[in-house]
Amino acid sequence: MTQQAQKLGNERIVYTRGYQLGGLTKRELFAAMALQGLISCPMFNLTDDQREKNNTNPPLFFSETAVKYSEALLEVLSKTNDNE
């Protein structure tokens, strides 16, 4: 992850009225949203046979995948911010 994307991801979410709570970073929010989508999609649900064959722990797999999607989004957003 580039330093610029990391910096963007570490920014806290600022609400529309301009105040900021000590809550989620952009990276955490994007990862949570990606995780929600992954879990809700039946295509990504692994059967017991698939889990045993791939030795996969679904919660860990989906969490790691969500973070990867979050980081990829931050990379693209950091490049977009450069072009403005």
Protein backbone atom coordinates (compact mmCIF):
# COMPACT_ATOMS: atom_id res chain seq x y z
CA MET A 1 0.00 0.00 0.00
CA THR A 2 1.44 3.37 -0.94
CA GLN A 3 2.06 5.97 1.76
CA GLN A 4 -0.53 8.28 0.23
CA ALA A 5 -3.21 5.55 0.25
CA GLN A 6 -2.27 4.65 3.81
CA LYS A 7 -2.58 8.28 4.88
CA LEU A 8 -5.99 8.53 3.20
CA GLY A 9 -7.13 5.31 4.87
CA ASN A 10 -6.05 6.48 8.31
CA GLU A 11 -8.22 9.61 8.11
CA ARG A 12 -11.22 9.52 10.44
CA ILE A 13 -14.71 9.75 9.03
CA VAL A 14 -16.01 13.34 9.25
CA TYR A 15 -19.77 13.73 9.37
CA THR A 16 -21.73 16.17 7.24
CA ARG A 17 -21.94 18.82 9.92
CA GLY A 18 -18.16 18.96 10.14
CA TYR A 19 -17.68 17.21 13.44
CA GLN A 20 -15.59 14.12 13.93
CA LEU A 21 -16.04 11.35 16.41
CA GLY A 22 -13.20 9.13 17.57
CA GLY A 23 -14.75 6.33 15.50
CA LEU A 24 -13.81 4.52 12.34
CA THR A 25 -11.10 5.36 9.87
CA LYS A 26 -11.90 5.32 6.18
CA ARG A 27 -10.00 2.03 5.86
CA GLU A 28 -12.06 0.43 8.63
CA LEU A 29 -15.34 1.68 7.16
CA PHE A 30 -14.48 0.49 3.65
CA ALA A 31 -13.41 -2.91 5.00
CA ALA A 32 -16.64 -3.23 7.02
CA MET A 33 -18.72 -2.38 3.96
CA ALA A 34 -16.80 -4.88 1.80
CA LEU A 35 -17.18 -7.56 4.49
CA GLN A 36 -20.93 -6.93 4.65
CA GLY A 37 -21.16 -7.41 0.89
CA LEU A 38 -19.03 -10.55 0.87
CA ILE A 39 -21.04 -12.18 3.64
CA SER A 40 -24.37 -11.33 2.04
CA CYS A 41 -23.47 -12.82 -1.34
CA PRO A 42 -24.39 -16.53 -1.61
CA MET A 43 -21.78 -17.03 -4.33
CA PHE A 44 -19.04 -16.46 -1.75
CA ASN A 45 -20.43 -18.83 0.86
CA LEU A 46 -18.27 -21.93 1.01
CA THR A 47 -19.72 -25.40 1.49
CA ASP A 48 -18.32 -27.67 4.19
CA ASP A 49 -16.55 -29.73 1.49
CA GLN A 50 -14.90 -26.63 0.04
CA ARG A 51 -13.80 -25.50 3.51
CA GLU A 52 -12.22 -28.86 4.30
CA LYS A 53 -10.59 -29.13 0.88
CA ASN A 54 -9.08 -25.63 1.05
CA ASN A 55 -8.57 -25.67 4.84
CA THR A 56 -10.40 -22.36 4.91
CA ASN A 57 -11.72 -20.52 7.95
CA PRO A 58 -14.57 -18.48 6.37
CA PRO A 59 -14.63 -15.60 8.89
CA LEU A 60 -10.88 -15.12 8.59
CA PHE A 61 -10.96 -15.54 4.81
CA PHE A 62 -13.76 -13.00 4.35
CA SER A 63 -12.16 -10.52 6.78
CA GLU A 64 -8.79 -10.68 5.02
CA THR A 65 -10.49 -10.34 1.63
CA ALA A 66 -12.49 -7.31 2.83
CA VAL A 67 -9.31 -5.58 3.98
CA LYS A 68 -7.70 -6.25 0.58
CA TYR A 69 -10.70 -4.68 -1.18
CA SER A 70 -10.53 -1.72 1.18
CA GLU A 71 -6.83 -1.18 0.47
CA ALA A 72 -7.39 -1.47 -3.28
CA LEU A 73 -10.13 1.17 -3.10
CA LEU A 74 -7.85 3.48 -1.11
CA GLU A 75 -5.10 3.06 -3.72
CA VAL A 76 -7.48 4.10 -6.49
CA LEU A 77 -8.90 6.99 -4.46
CA SER A 78 -5.42 8.29 -3.62
CA LYS A 79 -4.54 8.33 -7.33
CA THR A 80 -7.83 10.08 -8.15
CA ASN A 81 -7.06 12.76 -5.54
CA ASP A 82 -3.70 13.38 -7.25
CA ASN A 83 -5.44 14.19 -10.54
CA GLU A 84 -7.75 16.84 -9.07
